[in-house]
């Protein structure tokens, strides 16, 4: 089996995307991001040992964990934005604006 270079790139991209949306600010997202990074490191070692089949599976798991971290971070952000919008609507109602 050839080295899973495409899967490696996809996993790295997913981890970067989770970093960029601030996954480190949410404890649950941080956990999944940490798992993704650990799996990525392990997969690189497996690739060096030419165990490409195991590396591929581990990289797929790393990508999935990173994508989950990304989704959690985005959901938290969206939830916070919605709460802020509701707060502003309530303030406008109290001020007499309809």
N, C-alpha and C. Protein backbone atom coordinates (compact mmCIF):
# COMPACT_ATOMS: atom_id res chain seq x y z
N UNK A 1 0.85 -1.17 0.00
CA UNK A 1 0.00 0.00 0.00
C UNK A 1 0.91 1.24 0.00
N UNK A 2 0.61 2.22 -0.84
CA UNK A 2 1.44 3.44 -0.91
C UNK A 2 1.21 4.31 0.33
N UNK A 3 2.15 5.20 0.61
CA UNK A 3 1.98 6.12 1.75
C UNK A 3 0.71 6.96 1.58
N UNK A 4 -0.04 7.16 2.64
CA UNK A 4 -1.30 7.91 2.56
C UNK A 4 -1.08 9.42 2.61
N UNK A 5 -0.34 9.94 1.65
CA UNK A 5 -0.01 11.36 1.66
C UNK A 5 -1.23 12.26 1.53
N UNK A 6 -2.21 11.85 0.71
CA UNK A 6 -3.42 12.66 0.56
C UNK A 6 -4.20 12.71 1.87
N UNK A 7 -4.30 11.57 2.53
CA UNK A 7 -5.01 11.51 3.81
C UNK A 7 -4.26 12.32 4.87
N UNK A 8 -2.95 12.28 4.82
CA UNK A 8 -2.13 13.07 5.74
C UNK A 8 -2.44 14.56 5.55
N UNK A 9 -2.48 14.99 4.31
CA UNK A 9 -2.78 16.40 4.02
C UNK A 9 -4.19 16.78 4.47
N UNK A 10 -5.14 15.88 4.25
CA UNK A 10 -6.52 16.15 4.66
C UNK A 10 -6.63 16.26 6.18
N UNK A 11 -5.94 15.40 6.88
CA UNK A 11 -5.97 15.44 8.35
C UNK A 11 -5.33 16.72 8.86
N UNK A 12 -4.20 17.09 8.27
CA UNK A 12 -3.53 18.33 8.68
C UNK A 12 -4.41 19.55 8.41
N UNK A 13 -5.10 19.55 7.28
CA UNK A 13 -5.98 20.66 6.93
C UNK A 13 -7.15 20.77 7.91
N UNK A 14 -7.70 19.62 8.29
CA UNK A 14 -8.81 19.63 9.24
C UNK A 14 -8.37 20.16 10.60
N UNK A 15 -7.18 19.80 11.01
CA UNK A 15 -6.65 20.30 12.29
C UNK A 15 -6.43 21.81 12.21
N UNK A 16 -5.88 22.29 11.11
CA UNK A 16 -5.68 23.73 10.93
C UNK A 16 -7.01 24.48 10.95
N UNK A 17 -8.01 23.92 10.29
CA UNK A 17 -9.32 24.56 10.25
C UNK A 17 -9.92 24.67 11.65
N UNK A 18 -9.78 23.62 12.44
CA UNK A 18 -10.29 23.66 13.81
C UNK A 18 -9.54 24.70 14.64
N UNK A 19 -8.24 24.80 14.43
CA UNK A 19 -7.44 25.82 15.11
C UNK A 19 -7.92 27.22 14.75
N UNK A 20 -8.19 27.42 13.47
CA UNK A 20 -8.55 28.75 12.97
C UNK A 20 -9.88 29.25 13.49
N UNK A 21 -10.82 28.34 13.79
CA UNK A 21 -12.12 28.78 14.32
C UNK A 21 -12.11 28.87 15.84
N UNK A 22 -10.97 28.58 16.44
CA UNK A 22 -10.87 28.73 17.89
C UNK A 22 -11.34 27.53 18.69
N UNK A 23 -11.11 26.35 18.18
CA UNK A 23 -11.54 25.15 18.89
C UNK A 23 -10.90 25.05 20.27
N UNK A 24 -9.76 25.70 20.45
CA UNK A 24 -9.06 25.65 21.74
C UNK A 24 -9.82 26.38 22.84
N UNK A 25 -10.84 27.15 22.48
CA UNK A 25 -11.58 27.90 23.50
C UNK A 25 -12.72 27.10 24.09
N UNK A 26 -13.03 25.95 23.54
CA UNK A 26 -14.11 25.11 24.05
C UNK A 26 -13.51 23.80 24.58
N UNK A 27 -13.80 23.44 25.81
CA UNK A 27 -13.18 22.23 26.39
C UNK A 27 -13.45 20.95 25.59
N UNK A 28 -14.66 20.77 25.13
CA UNK A 28 -14.99 19.56 24.37
C UNK A 28 -14.27 19.56 23.02
N UNK A 29 -14.27 20.68 22.36
CA UNK A 29 -13.57 20.78 21.07
C UNK A 29 -12.06 20.60 21.27
N UNK A 30 -11.54 21.14 22.35
CA UNK A 30 -10.12 21.00 22.65
C UNK A 30 -9.73 19.54 22.81
N UNK A 31 -10.58 18.77 23.46
CA UNK A 31 -10.30 17.34 23.64
C UNK A 31 -10.19 16.63 22.30
N UNK A 32 -11.13 16.88 21.41
CA UNK A 32 -11.11 16.23 20.09
C UNK A 32 -9.92 16.70 19.26
N UNK A 33 -9.58 17.96 19.40
CA UNK A 33 -8.43 18.49 18.67
C UNK A 33 -7.13 17.85 19.19
N UNK A 34 -7.05 17.67 20.48
CA UNK A 34 -5.88 17.01 21.08
C UNK A 34 -5.76 15.57 20.58
N UNK A 35 -6.89 14.86 20.54
CA UNK A 35 -6.89 13.49 20.02
C UNK A 35 -6.43 13.47 18.56
N UNK A 36 -6.92 14.41 17.78
CA UNK A 36 -6.55 14.46 16.36
C UNK A 36 -5.05 14.67 16.20
N UNK A 37 -4.48 15.55 17.00
CA UNK A 37 -3.04 15.81 16.92
C UNK A 37 -2.23 14.57 17.32
N UNK A 38 -2.68 13.90 18.37
CA UNK A 38 -1.98 12.69 18.82
C UNK A 38 -2.04 11.60 17.74
N UNK A 39 -3.21 11.45 17.14
CA UNK A 39 -3.37 10.44 16.09
C UNK A 39 -2.52 10.78 14.88
N UNK A 40 -2.44 12.05 14.55
CA UNK A 40 -1.60 12.49 13.44
C UNK A 40 -0.14 12.14 13.70
N UNK A 41 0.32 12.42 14.91
CA UNK A 41 1.71 12.10 15.26
C UNK A 41 1.98 10.60 15.19
N UNK A 42 1.04 9.81 15.70
CA UNK A 42 1.20 8.36 15.65
C UNK A 42 1.20 7.85 14.21
N UNK A 43 0.34 8.43 13.39
CA UNK A 43 0.26 8.01 11.99
C UNK A 43 1.56 8.32 11.25
N UNK A 44 2.16 9.45 11.55
CA UNK A 44 3.44 9.78 10.92
C UNK A 44 4.50 8.74 11.27
N UNK A 45 4.51 8.29 12.52
CA UNK A 45 5.45 7.26 12.93
C UNK A 45 5.18 5.94 12.20
N UNK A 46 3.91 5.63 12.03
CA UNK A 46 3.54 4.42 11.30
C UNK A 46 3.97 4.52 9.84
N UNK A 47 3.86 5.69 9.27
CA UNK A 47 4.29 5.89 7.88
C UNK A 47 5.80 5.70 7.76
N UNK A 48 6.54 6.19 8.74
CA UNK A 48 7.99 6.00 8.74
C UNK A 48 8.34 4.52 8.82
N UNK A 49 7.51 3.77 9.55
CA UNK A 49 7.73 2.33 9.68
C UNK A 49 7.11 1.56 8.51
N UNK A 50 6.58 2.29 7.55
CA UNK A 50 5.95 1.73 6.34
C UNK A 50 4.73 0.87 6.64
N UNK A 51 4.05 1.17 7.75
CA UNK A 51 2.77 0.53 8.06
C UNK A 51 1.66 1.47 7.58
N UNK A 52 1.55 1.56 6.27
CA UNK A 52 0.67 2.56 5.65
C UNK A 52 -0.81 2.26 5.86
N UNK A 53 -1.17 1.01 5.97
CA UNK A 53 -2.59 0.67 6.18
C UNK A 53 -3.05 1.18 7.55
N UNK A 54 -2.27 0.92 8.58
CA UNK A 54 -2.60 1.41 9.93
C UNK A 54 -2.55 2.93 9.97
N UNK A 55 -1.58 3.51 9.29
CA UNK A 55 -1.45 4.97 9.25
C UNK A 55 -2.68 5.59 8.60
N UNK A 56 -3.17 4.97 7.54
CA UNK A 56 -4.36 5.49 6.86
C UNK A 56 -5.55 5.52 7.80
N UNK A 57 -5.78 4.43 8.50
CA UNK A 57 -6.91 4.37 9.44
C UNK A 57 -6.77 5.43 10.54
N UNK A 58 -5.57 5.58 11.04
CA UNK A 58 -5.34 6.55 12.10
C UNK A 58 -5.52 7.98 11.59
N UNK A 59 -5.08 8.23 10.37
CA UNK A 59 -5.27 9.56 9.78
C UNK A 59 -6.74 9.86 9.54
N UNK A 60 -7.51 8.85 9.18
CA UNK A 60 -8.95 9.05 9.01
C UNK A 60 -9.61 9.41 10.34
N UNK A 61 -9.16 8.75 11.40
CA UNK A 61 -9.68 9.07 12.73
C UNK A 61 -9.26 10.48 13.14
N UNK A 62 -8.03 10.85 12.83
CA UNK A 62 -7.55 12.19 13.16
C UNK A 62 -8.38 13.25 12.44
N UNK A 63 -8.65 13.00 11.17
CA UNK A 63 -9.46 13.95 10.40
C UNK A 63 -10.87 14.06 10.99
N UNK A 64 -11.45 12.93 11.35
CA UNK A 64 -12.80 12.94 11.92
C UNK A 64 -12.82 13.69 13.26
N UNK A 65 -11.82 13.46 14.10
CA UNK A 65 -11.78 14.17 15.38
C UNK A 65 -11.58 15.67 15.17
N UNK A 66 -10.75 16.05 14.23
CA UNK A 66 -10.55 17.47 13.94
C UNK A 66 -11.82 18.11 13.40
N UNK A 67 -12.53 17.40 12.54
CA UNK A 67 -13.78 17.92 12.00
C UNK A 67 -14.84 18.05 13.10
N UNK A 68 -14.83 17.11 14.04
CA UNK A 68 -15.75 17.21 15.16
C UNK A 68 -15.41 18.42 16.03
N UNK A 69 -14.14 18.63 16.28
CA UNK A 69 -13.71 19.82 17.04
C UNK A 69 -14.16 21.09 16.33
N UNK A 70 -14.02 21.11 15.02
CA UNK A 70 -14.45 22.26 14.22
C UNK A 70 -15.95 22.48 14.36
N UNK A 71 -16.72 21.42 14.24
CA UNK A 71 -18.18 21.53 14.32
C UNK A 71 -18.62 22.00 15.71
N UNK A 72 -17.98 21.48 16.74
CA UNK A 72 -18.32 21.90 18.11
C UNK A 72 -18.01 23.38 18.30
N UNK A 73 -16.86 23.80 17.84
CA UNK A 73 -16.47 25.21 17.98
C UNK A 73 -17.43 26.12 17.22
N UNK A 74 -17.80 25.71 16.01
CA UNK A 74 -18.74 26.53 15.23
C UNK A 74 -20.11 26.58 15.90
N UNK A 75 -20.56 25.45 16.44
CA UNK A 75 -21.87 25.41 17.11
C UNK A 75 -21.87 26.33 18.33
N UNK A 76 -20.81 26.29 19.10
CA UNK A 76 -20.72 27.17 20.28
C UNK A 76 -20.73 28.64 19.87
N UNK A 77 -20.01 28.94 18.80
CA UNK A 77 -19.95 30.31 18.32
C UNK A 77 -21.33 30.78 17.84
N UNK A 78 -21.99 29.93 17.09
CA UNK A 78 -23.33 30.27 16.59
C UNK A 78 -24.31 30.44 17.74
N UNK A 79 -24.20 29.57 18.73
CA UNK A 79 -25.08 29.67 19.90
C UNK A 79 -24.84 30.99 20.64
N UNK A 80 -23.60 31.37 20.80
CA UNK A 80 -23.27 32.63 21.47
C UNK A 80 -23.81 33.82 20.69
N UNK A 81 -23.69 33.77 19.36
CA UNK A 81 -24.21 34.86 18.52
C UNK A 81 -25.73 34.95 18.64
N UNK A 82 -26.40 33.81 18.67
CA UNK A 82 -27.85 33.80 18.80
C UNK A 82 -28.28 34.37 20.15
N UNK A 83 -27.58 34.01 21.20
CA UNK A 83 -27.91 34.54 22.52
C UNK A 83 -27.70 36.05 22.57
N UNK A 84 -26.65 36.53 21.93
CA UNK A 84 -26.39 37.97 21.89
C UNK A 84 -27.49 38.69 21.11
N UNK A 85 -27.93 38.10 20.02
CA UNK A 85 -29.01 38.71 19.22
C UNK A 85 -30.30 38.76 20.04
N UNK A 86 -30.60 37.70 20.76
CA UNK A 86 -31.80 37.70 21.61
C UNK A 86 -31.71 38.76 22.70
N UNK A 87 -30.54 38.93 23.24
CA UNK A 87 -30.31 39.95 24.27
C UNK A 87 -30.56 41.34 23.70
N UNK A 88 -30.07 41.57 22.49
CA UNK A 88 -30.27 42.88 21.86
C UNK A 88 -31.74 43.13 21.57
N UNK A 89 -32.46 42.11 21.13
CA UNK A 89 -33.89 42.25 20.87
C UNK A 89 -34.62 42.60 22.16
N UNK A 90 -34.25 41.92 23.24
CA UNK A 90 -34.89 42.18 24.53
C UNK A 90 -34.61 43.61 24.99
N UNK A 91 -33.40 44.10 24.78
CA UNK A 91 -33.04 45.47 25.15
C UNK A 91 -33.85 46.47 24.34
N UNK A 92 -34.03 46.18 23.05
CA UNK A 92 -34.83 47.07 22.20
C UNK A 92 -36.29 47.08 22.64
N UNK A 93 -36.81 45.92 23.02
CA UNK A 93 -38.20 45.85 23.50
C UNK A 93 -38.36 46.69 24.76
N UNK A 94 -37.39 46.59 25.65
CA UNK A 94 -37.47 47.34 26.91
C UNK A 94 -37.35 48.84 26.66
N UNK A 95 -36.66 49.21 25.59
CA UNK A 95 -36.50 50.63 25.24
C UNK A 95 -37.71 51.16 24.48
N UNK A 96 -38.65 50.28 24.17
CA UNK A 96 -39.86 50.72 23.48
C UNK A 96 -39.77 50.64 21.98
N UNK A 97 -38.74 50.07 21.42
CA UNK A 97 -38.60 49.92 19.98
C UNK A 97 -39.27 48.63 19.57
N UNK A 98 -40.07 48.71 18.50
CA UNK A 98 -40.77 47.50 18.03
C UNK A 98 -40.27 47.09 16.68
